[in-house]
Amino acid sequence: AGTVRLARRSDRVARLVEGTATTLARDGRWDDEALRHEGLRKADAEAALRRQNANSVRDVEQVSIEPGGAIVATLREDLQSATKADVQRIEAKLDALLAQR
């Protein structure tokens, strides 16, 4: 219990106790050494990518495994879903173009 309280108060202690994220892939390429170090098979990591809307490692900017074991993928910008703000910007541009007519 004391370690948990100490880890909450200090980022340094938290990193020491919990560990840090490990990058498994960057710019569409697996880091084979990182996969080996984490004891992961590519097939398992690729299954995690598919659950996060990536068809393959070529679709991601970065893949990491977090200290708790979660695999997190960041899709390439051109493959990310549009946000509400993106749609609003497009609508505003369309409205401006139509107003010019």
PDB file of N, CA and C in Angstrom:
ATOM      1  N   ALA A   1       0.827  -1.194   0.000  1.00  0.00           N
ATOM      2  CA  ALA A   1       0.000   0.000   0.000  1.00  0.00           C
ATOM      3  C   ALA A   1       0.866   1.250   0.000  1.00  0.00           C
ATOM      4  N   GLY A   2       1.987   1.188   0.716  1.00  0.00           N
ATOM      5  CA  GLY A   2       2.880   2.339   0.777  1.00  0.00           C
ATOM      6  C   GLY A   2       3.508   2.637  -0.571  1.00  0.00           C
ATOM      7  N   THR A   3       3.831   1.597  -1.323  1.00  0.00           N
ATOM      8  CA  THR A   3       4.415   1.777  -2.651  1.00  0.00           C
ATOM      9  C   THR A   3       3.426   2.449  -3.589  1.00  0.00           C
ATOM     10  N   VAL A   4       2.161   2.049  -3.485  1.00  0.00           N
ATOM     11  CA  VAL A   4       1.125   2.645  -4.337  1.00  0.00           C
ATOM     12  C   VAL A   4       0.990   4.130  -4.039  1.00  0.00           C
ATOM     13  N   ARG A   5       0.972   4.488  -2.752  1.00  0.00           N
ATOM     14  CA  ARG A   5       0.864   5.916  -2.391  1.00  0.00           C
ATOM     15  C   ARG A   5       2.080   6.689  -2.879  1.00  0.00           C
ATOM     16  N   LEU A   6       3.239   6.119  -2.735  1.00  0.00           N
ATOM     17  CA  LEU A   6       4.462   6.774  -3.184  1.00  0.00           C
ATOM     18  C   LEU A   6       4.455   6.947  -4.703  1.00  0.00           C
ATOM     19  N   ALA A   7       4.000   5.916  -5.422  1.00  0.00           N
ATOM     20  CA  ALA A   7       3.940   6.000  -6.886  1.00  0.00           C
ATOM     21  C   ALA A   7       2.964   7.073  -7.335  1.00  0.00           C
ATOM     22  N   ARG A   8       1.884   7.267  -6.602  1.00  0.00           N
ATOM     23  CA  ARG A   8       0.921   8.318  -6.960  1.00  0.00           C
ATOM     24  C   ARG A   8       1.518   9.703  -6.808  1.00  0.00           C
ATOM     25  N   ARG A   9       2.417   9.854  -5.868  1.00  0.00           N
ATOM     26  CA  ARG A   9       3.011  11.167  -5.592  1.00  0.00           C
ATOM     27  C   ARG A   9       4.201  11.485  -6.488  1.00  0.00           C
ATOM     28  N   SER A  10       4.844  10.479  -7.019  1.00  0.00           N
ATOM     29  CA  SER A  10       6.077  10.698  -7.774  1.00  0.00           C
ATOM     30  C   SER A  10       6.032   9.988  -9.121  1.00  0.00           C
ATOM     31  N   ASP A  11       6.142  10.771 -10.194  1.00  0.00           N
ATOM     32  CA  ASP A  11       6.202  10.183 -11.536  1.00  0.00           C
ATOM     33  C   ASP A  11       7.413   9.259 -11.675  1.00  0.00           C
ATOM     34  N   ARG A  12       8.493   9.634 -11.070  1.00  0.00           N
ATOM     35  CA  ARG A  12       9.716   8.841 -11.155  1.00  0.00           C
ATOM     36  C   ARG A  12       9.508   7.458 -10.521  1.00  0.00           C
ATOM     37  N   VAL A  13       8.905   7.428  -9.342  1.00  0.00           N
ATOM     38  CA  VAL A  13       8.629   6.154  -8.668  1.00  0.00           C
ATOM     39  C   VAL A  13       7.614   5.352  -9.472  1.00  0.00           C
ATOM     40  N   ALA A  14       6.598   6.031 -10.023  1.00  0.00           N
ATOM     41  CA  ALA A  14       5.577   5.337 -10.827  1.00  0.00           C
ATOM     42  C   ALA A  14       6.222   4.645 -12.028  1.00  0.00           C
ATOM     43  N   ARG A  15       7.134   5.347 -12.726  1.00  0.00           N
ATOM     44  CA  ARG A  15       7.813   4.737 -13.878  1.00  0.00           C
ATOM     45  C   ARG A  15       8.661   3.547 -13.450  1.00  0.00           C
ATOM     46  N   LEU A  16       9.298   3.666 -12.288  1.00  0.00           N
ATOM     47  CA  LEU A  16      10.132   2.587 -11.787  1.00  0.00           C
ATOM     48  C   LEU A  16       9.296   1.357 -11.448  1.00  0.00           C
ATOM     49  N   VAL A  17       8.147   1.564 -10.825  1.00  0.00           N
ATOM     50  CA  VAL A  17       7.289   0.459 -10.394  1.00  0.00           C
ATOM     51  C   VAL A  17       6.466  -0.098 -11.549  1.00  0.00           C
ATOM     52  N   GLU A  18       5.866   0.806 -12.336  1.00  0.00           N
ATOM     53  CA  GLU A  18       4.940   0.384 -13.387  1.00  0.00           C
ATOM     54  C   GLU A  18       5.608   0.157 -14.722  1.00  0.00           C
ATOM     55  N   GLY A  19       6.711   0.805 -14.975  1.00  0.00           N
ATOM     56  CA  GLY A  19       7.368   0.726 -16.270  1.00  0.00           C
ATOM     57  C   GLY A  19       6.912   1.858 -17.171  1.00  0.00           C
ATOM     58  N   THR A  20       7.384   1.845 -18.393  1.00  0.00           N
ATOM     59  CA  THR A  20       7.014   2.873 -19.371  1.00  0.00           C
ATOM     60  C   THR A  20       6.528   2.186 -20.641  1.00  0.00           C
ATOM     61  N   ALA A  21       5.895   2.962 -21.488  1.00  0.00           N
ATOM     62  CA  ALA A  21       5.410   2.429 -22.768  1.00  0.00           C
ATOM     63  C   ALA A  21       6.601   2.037 -23.640  1.00  0.00           C
ATOM     64  N   THR A  22       6.407   0.998 -24.445  1.00  0.00           N
ATOM     65  CA  THR A  22       7.422   0.549 -25.398  1.00  0.00           C
ATOM     66  C   THR A  22       6.856   0.691 -26.802  1.00  0.00           C
ATOM     67  N   THR A  23       7.586   1.350 -27.678  1.00  0.00           N
ATOM     68  CA  THR A  23       7.159   1.496 -29.066  1.00  0.00           C
ATOM     69  C   THR A  23       7.423   0.196 -29.804  1.00  0.00           C
ATOM     70  N   LEU A  24       6.353  -0.349 -30.391  1.00  0.00           N
ATOM     71  CA  LEU A  24       6.440  -1.619 -31.119  1.00  0.00           C
ATOM     72  C   LEU A  24       6.555  -1.416 -32.630  1.00  0.00           C
ATOM     73  N   ALA A  25       6.034  -0.287 -33.109  1.00  0.00           N
ATOM     74  CA  ALA A  25       6.100   0.026 -34.543  1.00  0.00           C
ATOM     75  C   ALA A  25       6.066   1.529 -34.703  1.00  0.00           C
ATOM     76  N   ARG A  26       6.713   1.986 -35.756  1.00  0.00           N
ATOM     77  CA  ARG A  26       6.707   3.426 -36.063  1.00  0.00           C
ATOM     78  C   ARG A  26       6.723   3.571 -37.577  1.00  0.00           C
ATOM     79  N   ASP A  27       5.923   4.516 -38.054  1.00  0.00           N
ATOM     80  CA  ASP A  27       5.860   4.818 -39.491  1.00  0.00           C
ATOM     81  C   ASP A  27       5.644   3.574 -40.347  1.00  0.00           C
ATOM     82  N   GLY A  28       4.728   2.725 -39.909  1.00  0.00           N
ATOM     83  CA  GLY A  28       4.340   1.570 -40.714  1.00  0.00           C
ATOM     84  C   GLY A  28       5.287   0.392 -40.685  1.00  0.00           C
ATOM     85  N   ARG A  29       6.240   0.366 -39.746  1.00  0.00           N
ATOM     86  CA  ARG A  29       7.208  -0.739 -39.681  1.00  0.00           C
ATOM     87  C   ARG A  29       7.325  -1.260 -38.260  1.00  0.00           C
ATOM     88  N   TRP A  30       7.263  -2.583 -38.140  1.00  0.00           N
ATOM     89  CA  TRP A  30       7.432  -3.215 -36.836  1.00  0.00           C
ATOM     90  C   TRP A  30       8.868  -3.088 -36.359  1.00  0.00           C
ATOM     91  N   ASP A  31       9.046  -2.948 -35.058  1.00  0.00           N
ATOM     92  CA  ASP A  31      10.364  -3.027 -34.424  1.00  0.00           C
ATOM     93  C   ASP A  31      10.482  -4.448 -33.873  1.00  0.00           C
ATOM     94  N   ASP A  32      11.114  -5.327 -34.637  1.00  0.00           N
ATOM     95  CA  ASP A  32      11.190  -6.738 -34.263  1.00  0.00           C
ATOM     96  C   ASP A  32      11.845  -6.945 -32.904  1.00  0.00           C
ATOM     97  N   GLU A  33      12.853  -6.146 -32.597  1.00  0.00           N
ATOM     98  CA  GLU A  33      13.543  -6.270 -31.307  1.00  0.00           C
ATOM     99  C   GLU A  33      12.591  -5.919 -30.154  1.00  0.00           C
ATOM    100  N   ALA A  34      11.788  -4.872 -30.322  1.00  0.00           N
ATOM    101  CA  ALA A  34      10.838  -4.487 -29.270  1.00  0.00           C
ATOM    102  C   ALA A  34       9.771  -5.563 -29.086  1.00  0.00           C
ATOM    103  N   LEU A  35       9.301  -6.152 -30.195  1.00  0.00           N
ATOM    104  CA  LEU A  35       8.323  -7.234 -30.097  1.00  0.00           C
ATOM    105  C   LEU A  35       8.910  -8.417 -29.322  1.00  0.00           C
ATOM    106  N   ARG A  36      10.152  -8.779 -29.651  1.00  0.00           N
ATOM    107  CA  ARG A  36      10.822  -9.889 -28.937  1.00  0.00           C
ATOM    108  C   ARG A  36      10.971  -9.556 -27.452  1.00  0.00           C
ATOM    109  N   HIS A  37      11.409  -8.331 -27.183  1.00  0.00           N
ATOM    110  CA  HIS A  37      11.626  -7.902 -25.790  1.00  0.00           C
ATOM    111  C   HIS A  37      10.342  -7.998 -24.974  1.00  0.00           C
ATOM    112  N   GLU A  38       9.213  -7.681 -25.597  1.00  0.00           N
ATOM    113  CA  GLU A  38       7.922  -7.721 -24.904  1.00  0.00           C
ATOM    114  C   GLU A  38       7.271  -9.101 -24.960  1.00  0.00           C
ATOM    115  N   GLY A  39       7.876 -10.020 -25.697  1.00  0.00           N
ATOM    116  CA  GLY A  39       7.338 -11.376 -25.791  1.00  0.00           C
ATOM    117  C   GLY A  39       6.061 -11.454 -26.609  1.00  0.00           C
ATOM    118  N   LEU A  40       5.957 -10.600 -27.626  1.00  0.00           N
ATOM    119  CA  LEU A  40       4.761 -10.555 -28.466  1.00  0.00           C
ATOM    120  C   LEU A  40       5.020 -11.134 -29.840  1.00  0.00           C
ATOM    121  N   ARG A  41       4.011 -11.820 -30.371  1.00  0.00           N
ATOM    122  CA  ARG A  41       4.059 -12.277 -31.757  1.00  0.00           C
ATOM    123  C   ARG A  41       3.429 -11.191 -32.621  1.00  0.00           C
ATOM    124  N   LYS A  42       3.934 -11.023 -33.839  1.00  0.00           N
ATOM    125  CA  LYS A  42       3.346 -10.041 -34.753  1.00  0.00           C
ATOM    126  C   LYS A  42       1.861 -10.291 -34.951  1.00  0.00           C
ATOM    127  N   ALA A  43       1.476 -11.559 -35.040  1.00  0.00           N
ATOM    128  CA  ALA A  43       0.063 -11.893 -35.266  1.00  0.00           C
ATOM    129  C   ALA A  43      -0.821 -11.337 -34.150  1.00  0.00           C
ATOM    130  N   ASP A  44      -0.352 -11.415 -32.908  1.00  0.00           N
ATOM    131  CA  ASP A  44      -1.136 -10.884 -31.791  1.00  0.00           C
ATOM    132  C   ASP A  44      -1.206  -9.359 -31.844  1.00  0.00           C
ATOM    133  N   ALA A  45      -0.087  -8.725 -32.166  1.00  0.00           N
ATOM    134  CA  ALA A  45      -0.067  -7.267 -32.271  1.00  0.00           C
ATOM    135  C   ALA A  45      -0.941  -6.802 -33.441  1.00  0.00           C
ATOM    136  N   GLU A  46      -0.905  -7.523 -34.559  1.00  0.00           N
ATOM    137  CA  GLU A  46      -1.735  -7.165 -35.713  1.00  0.00           C
ATOM    138  C   GLU A  46      -3.220  -7.326 -35.400  1.00  0.00           C
ATOM    139  N   ALA A  47      -3.581  -8.307 -34.583  1.00  0.00           N
ATOM    140  CA  ALA A  47      -4.975  -8.478 -34.171  1.00  0.00           C
ATOM    141  C   ALA A  47      -5.415  -7.264 -33.351  1.00  0.00           C
ATOM    142  N   ALA A  48      -4.522  -6.764 -32.493  1.00  0.00           N
ATOM    143  CA  ALA A  48      -4.833  -5.560 -31.710  1.00  0.00           C
ATOM    144  C   ALA A  48      -5.019  -4.351 -32.622  1.00  0.00           C
ATOM    145  N   LEU A  49      -4.241  -4.270 -33.702  1.00  0.00           N
ATOM    146  CA  LEU A  49      -4.387  -3.164 -34.656  1.00  0.00           C
ATOM    147  C   LEU A  49      -5.763  -3.201 -35.317  1.00  0.00           C
ATOM    148  N   ARG A  50      -6.181  -4.387 -35.723  1.00  0.00           N
ATOM    149  CA  ARG A  50      -7.490  -4.514 -36.384  1.00  0.00           C
ATOM    150  C   ARG A  50      -8.627  -4.085 -35.462  1.00  0.00           C
ATOM    151  N   ARG A  51      -8.480  -4.343 -34.170  1.00  0.00           N
ATOM    152  CA  ARG A  51      -9.503  -3.897 -33.217  1.00  0.00           C
ATOM    153  C   ARG A  51      -9.521  -2.377 -33.091  1.00  0.00           C
ATOM    154  N   GLN A  52      -8.464  -1.711 -33.582  1.00  0.00           N
ATOM    155  CA  GLN A  52      -8.373  -0.252 -33.507  1.00  0.00           C
ATOM    156  C   GLN A  52      -8.464   0.387 -34.893  1.00  0.00           C
ATOM    157  N   ASN A  53      -9.109  -0.315 -35.813  1.00  0.00           N
ATOM    158  CA  ASN A  53      -9.420   0.197 -37.160  1.00  0.00           C
ATOM    159  C   ASN A  53      -8.236   0.332 -38.092  1.00  0.00           C
ATOM    160  N   ALA A  54      -7.164  -0.397 -37.849  1.00  0.00           N
ATOM    161  CA  ALA A  54      -6.034  -0.433 -38.779  1.00  0.00           C
ATOM    162  C   ALA A  54      -6.029  -1.807 -39.445  1.00  0.00           C
ATOM    163  N   ASN A  55      -5.859  -1.831 -40.744  1.00  0.00           N
ATOM    164  CA  ASN A  55      -5.803  -3.106 -41.466  1.00  0.00           C
ATOM    165  C   ASN A  55      -4.443  -3.771 -41.365  1.00  0.00           C
ATOM    166  N   SER A  56      -3.412  -2.953 -41.236  1.00  0.00           N
ATOM    167  CA  SER A  56      -2.055  -3.488 -41.116  1.00  0.00           C
ATOM    168  C   SER A  56      -1.170  -2.439 -40.467  1.00  0.00           C
ATOM    169  N   VAL A  57       0.063  -2.819 -40.193  1.00  0.00           N
ATOM    170  CA  VAL A  57       1.007  -1.889 -39.581  1.00  0.00           C
ATOM    171  C   VAL A  57       1.278  -0.699 -40.502  1.00  0.00           C
ATOM    172  N   ARG A  58       1.089  -0.875 -41.803  1.00  0.00           N
ATOM    173  CA  ARG A  58       1.301   0.236 -42.745  1.00  0.00           C
ATOM    174  C   ARG A  58       0.302   1.385 -42.525  1.00  0.00           C
ATOM    175  N   ASP A  59      -0.782   1.106 -41.796  1.00  0.00           N
ATOM    176  CA  ASP A  59      -1.812   2.117 -41.544  1.00  0.00           C
ATOM    177  C   ASP A  59      -1.540   2.968 -40.311  1.00  0.00           C
ATOM    178  N   VAL A  60      -0.439   2.707 -39.606  1.00  0.00           N
ATOM    179  CA  VAL A  60      -0.221   3.398 -38.332  1.00  0.00           C
ATOM    180  C   VAL A  60       1.038   4.255 -38.336  1.00  0.00           C
ATOM    181  N   GLU A  61       0.959   5.330 -37.539  1.00  0.00           N
ATOM    182  CA  GLU A  61       2.141   6.149 -37.276  1.00  0.00           C
ATOM    183  C   GLU A  61       2.976   5.488 -36.187  1.00  0.00           C
ATOM    184  N   GLN A  62       2.264   4.994 -35.154  1.00  0.00           N
ATOM    185  CA  GLN A  62       2.972   4.392 -34.032  1.00  0.00           C
ATOM    186  C   GLN A  62       2.086   3.369 -33.351  1.00  0.00           C
ATOM    187  N   VAL A  63       2.724   2.330 -32.839  1.00  0.00           N
ATOM    188  CA  VAL A  63       2.066   1.317 -32.023  1.00  0.00           C
ATOM    189  C   VAL A  63       2.924   1.166 -30.776  1.00  0.00           C
ATOM    190  N   SER A  64       2.285   1.201 -29.614  1.00  0.00           N
ATOM    191  CA  SER A  64       3.035   1.014 -28.379  1.00  0.00           C
ATOM    192  C   SER A  64       2.280   0.075 -27.455  1.00  0.00           C
ATOM    193  N   ILE A  65       3.023  -0.513 -26.535  1.00  0.00           N
ATOM    194  CA  ILE A  65       2.403  -1.308 -25.477  1.00  0.00           C
ATOM    195  C   ILE A  65       2.609  -0.526 -24.188  1.00  0.00           C
ATOM    196  N   GLU A  66       1.509  -0.265 -23.508  1.00  0.00           N
ATOM    197  CA  GLU A  66       1.527   0.527 -22.285  1.00  0.00           C
ATOM    198  C   GLU A  66       1.908  -0.362 -21.100  1.00  0.00           C
ATOM    199  N   PRO A  67       2.308   0.235 -19.984  1.00  0.00           N
ATOM    200  CA  PRO A  67       2.712  -0.559 -18.818  1.00  0.00           C
ATOM    201  C   PRO A  67       1.665  -1.577 -18.365  1.00  0.00           C
ATOM    202  N   GLY A  68       0.389  -1.280 -18.524  1.00  0.00           N
ATOM    203  CA  GLY A  68      -0.661  -2.210 -18.131  1.00  0.00           C
ATOM    204  C   GLY A  68      -0.903  -3.319 -19.131  1.00  0.00           C
ATOM    205  N   GLY A  69      -0.228  -3.273 -20.287  1.00  0.00           N
ATOM    206  CA  GLY A  69      -0.357  -4.317 -21.292  1.00  0.00           C
ATOM    207  C   GLY A  69      -1.237  -3.960 -22.478  1.00  0.00           C
ATOM    208  N   ALA A  70      -1.870  -2.789 -22.454  1.00  0.00           N
ATOM    209  CA  ALA A  70      -2.720  -2.373 -23.572  1.00  0.00           C
ATOM    210  C   ALA A  70      -1.855  -1.991 -24.765  1.00  0.00           C
ATOM    211  N   ILE A  71      -2.238  -2.467 -25.938  1.00  0.00           N
ATOM    212  CA  ILE A  71      -1.554  -2.075 -27.177  1.00  0.00           C
ATOM    213  C   ILE A  71      -2.343  -0.930 -27.774  1.00  0.00           C
ATOM    214  N   VAL A  72      -1.668   0.191 -28.005  1.00  0.00           N
ATOM    215  CA  VAL A  72      -2.309   1.408 -28.483  1.00  0.00           C
ATOM    216  C   VAL A  72      -1.729   1.783 -29.843  1.00  0.00           C
ATOM    217  N   ALA A  73      -2.611   1.947 -30.830  1.00  0.00           N
ATOM    218  CA  ALA A  73      -2.187   2.313 -32.185  1.00  0.00           C
ATOM    219  C   ALA A  73      -2.647   3.725 -32.499  1.00  0.00           C
ATOM    220  N   THR A  74      -1.763   4.489 -33.120  1.00  0.00           N
ATOM    221  CA  THR A  74      -2.108   5.811 -33.621  1.00  0.00           C
ATOM    222  C   THR A  74      -2.135   5.706 -35.144  1.00  0.00           C
ATOM    223  N   LEU A  75      -3.334   5.843 -35.712  1.00  0.00           N
ATOM    224  CA  LEU A  75      -3.479   5.745 -37.164  1.00  0.00           C
ATOM    225  C   LEU A  75      -2.788   6.905 -37.864  1.00  0.00           C
ATOM    226  N   ARG A  76      -2.355   6.664 -39.097  1.00  0.00           N
ATOM    227  CA  ARG A  76      -1.848   7.762 -39.917  1.00  0.00           C
ATOM    228  C   ARG A  76      -2.953   8.815 -40.018  1.00  0.00           C
ATOM    229  N   GLU A  77      -2.559  10.054 -40.112  1.00  0.00           N
ATOM    230  CA  GLU A  77      -3.524  11.160 -40.127  1.00  0.00           C
ATOM    231  C   GLU A  77      -4.552  11.006 -41.238  1.00  0.00           C
ATOM    232  N   ASP A  78      -4.128  10.557 -42.410  1.00  0.00           N
ATOM    233  CA  ASP A  78      -5.058  10.441 -43.534  1.00  0.00           C
ATOM    234  C   ASP A  78      -6.069   9.311 -43.355  1.00  0.00           C
ATOM    235  N   LEU A  79      -5.875   8.451 -42.350  1.00  0.00           N
ATOM    236  CA  LEU A  79      -6.808   7.344 -42.098  1.00  0.00           C
ATOM    237  C   LEU A  79      -7.669   7.563 -40.858  1.00  0.00           C
ATOM    238  N   GLN A  80      -7.413   8.654 -40.142  1.00  0.00           N
ATOM    239  CA  GLN A  80      -8.188   8.926 -38.940  1.00  0.00           C
ATOM    240  C   GLN A  80      -9.588   9.407 -39.294  1.00  0.00           C
ATOM    241  N   SER A  81     -10.532   9.081 -38.437  1.00  0.00           N
ATOM    242  CA  SER A  81     -11.913   9.512 -38.639  1.00  0.00           C
ATOM    243  C   SER A  81     -12.015  11.025 -38.501  1.00  0.00           C
ATOM    244  N   ALA A  82     -12.926  11.595 -39.256  1.00  0.00           N
ATOM    245  CA  ALA A  82     -13.160  13.030 -39.167  1.00  0.00           C
ATOM    246  C   ALA A  82     -13.818  13.351 -37.828  1.00  0.00           C
ATOM    247  N   THR A  83     -13.418  14.476 -37.258  1.00  0.00           N
ATOM    248  CA  THR A  83     -14.039  14.938 -36.019  1.00  0.00           C
ATOM    249  C   THR A  83     -15.180  15.891 -36.366  1.00  0.00           C
ATOM    250  N   LYS A  84     -15.965  16.213 -35.393  1.00  0.00           N
ATOM    251  CA  LYS A  84     -17.048  17.177 -35.585  1.00  0.00           C
ATOM    252  C   LYS A  84     -16.471  18.521 -36.049  1.00  0.00           C
ATOM    253  N   ALA A  85     -15.345  18.905 -35.502  1.00  0.00           N
ATOM    254  CA  ALA A  85     -14.690  20.159 -35.893  1.00  0.00           C
ATOM    255  C   ALA A  85     -14.256  20.116 -37.358  1.00  0.00           C
ATOM    256  N   ASP A  86     -13.773  18.956 -37.832  1.00  0.00           N
ATOM    257  CA  ASP A  86     -13.391  18.813 -39.238  1.00  0.00           C
ATOM    258  C   ASP A  86     -14.597  19.049 -40.142  1.00  0.00           C
ATOM    259  N   VAL A  87     -15.722  18.442 -39.787  1.00  0.00           N
ATOM    260  CA  VAL A  87     -16.942  18.583 -40.584  1.00  0.00           C
ATOM    261  C   VAL A  87     -17.418  20.031 -40.570  1.00  0.00           C
ATOM    262  N   GLN A  88     -17.341  20.691 -39.431  1.00  0.00           N
ATOM    263  CA  GLN A  88     -17.759  22.085 -39.338  1.00  0.00           C
ATOM    264  C   GLN A  88     -16.887  22.990 -40.194  1.00  0.00           C
ATOM    265  N   ARG A  89     -15.578  22.728 -40.252  1.00  0.00           N
ATOM    266  CA  ARG A  89     -14.684  23.527 -41.106  1.00  0.00           C
ATOM    267  C   ARG A  89     -15.047  23.359 -42.575  1.00  0.00           C
ATOM    268  N   ILE A  90     -15.340  22.129 -42.980  1.00  0.00           N
ATOM    269  CA  ILE A  90     -15.721  21.876 -44.375  1.00  0.00           C
ATOM    270  C   ILE A  90     -17.041  22.562 -44.701  1.00  0.00           C
ATOM    271  N   GLU A  91     -17.995  22.472 -43.784  1.00  0.00           N
ATOM    272  CA  GLU A  91     -19.283  23.136 -43.995  1.00  0.00           C
ATOM    273  C   GLU A  91     -19.104  24.638 -44.145  1.00  0.00           C
ATOM    274  N   ALA A  92     -18.247  25.226 -43.310  1.00  0.00           N
ATOM    275  CA  ALA A  92     -18.006  26.674 -43.379  1.00  0.00           C
ATOM    276  C   ALA A  92     -17.379  27.051 -44.719  1.00  0.00           C
ATOM    277  N   LYS A  93     -16.454  26.236 -45.210  1.00  0.00           N
ATOM    278  CA  LYS A  93     -15.836  26.508 -46.519  1.00  0.00           C
ATOM    279  C   LYS A  93     -16.859  26.402 -47.630  1.00  0.00           C
ATOM    280  N   LEU A  94     -17.708  25.381 -47.570  1.00  0.00           N
ATOM    281  CA  LEU A  94     -18.762  25.228 -48.572  1.00  0.00           C
ATOM    282  C   LEU A  94     -19.735  26.398 -48.549  1.00  0.00           C
ATOM    283  N   ASP A  95     -20.129  26.815 -47.349  1.00  0.00           N
ATOM    284  CA  ASP A  95     -21.025  27.956 -47.213  1.00  0.00           C
ATOM    285  C   ASP A  95     -20.401  29.219 -47.810  1.00  0.00           C
ATOM    286  N   ALA A  96     -19.102  29.408 -47.576  1.00  0.00           N
ATOM    287  CA  ALA A  96     -18.407  30.580 -48.128  1.00  0.00           C
ATOM    288  C   ALA A  96     -18.358  30.520 -49.652  1.00  0.00           C
ATOM    289  N   LEU A  97     -18.108  29.342 -50.201  1.00  0.00           N
ATOM    290  CA  LEU A  97     -18.089  29.186 -51.651  1.00  0.00           C
ATOM    291  C   LEU A  97     -19.457  29.442 -52.259  1.00  0.00           C
ATOM    292  N   LEU A  98     -20.490  28.924 -51.625  1.00  0.00           N
ATOM    293  CA  LEU A  98     -21.853  29.129 -52.130  1.00  0.00           C
ATOM    294  C   LEU A  98     -22.273  30.594 -52.029  1.00  0.00           C
ATOM    295  N   ALA A  99     -21.807  31.281 -50.996  1.00  0.00           N
ATOM    296  CA  ALA A  99     -22.152  32.696 -50.820  1.00  0.00           C
ATOM    297  C   ALA A  99     -21.506  33.559 -51.907  1.00  0.00           C
ATOM    298  N   GLN A 100     -20.388  33.105 -52.469  1.00  0.00           N
ATOM    299  CA  GLN A 100     -19.693  33.848 -53.520  1.00  0.00           C
ATOM    300  C   GLN A 100     -20.428  33.795 -54.840  1.00  0.00           C
ATOM    301  N   ARG A 101     -21.317  32.832 -54.994  1.00  0.00           N
ATOM    302  CA  ARG A 101     -22.021  32.652 -56.273  1.00  0.00           C
ATOM    303  C   ARG A 101     -23.039  33.679 -56.466  1.00  0.00           C
TER     304      ARG A 101
END
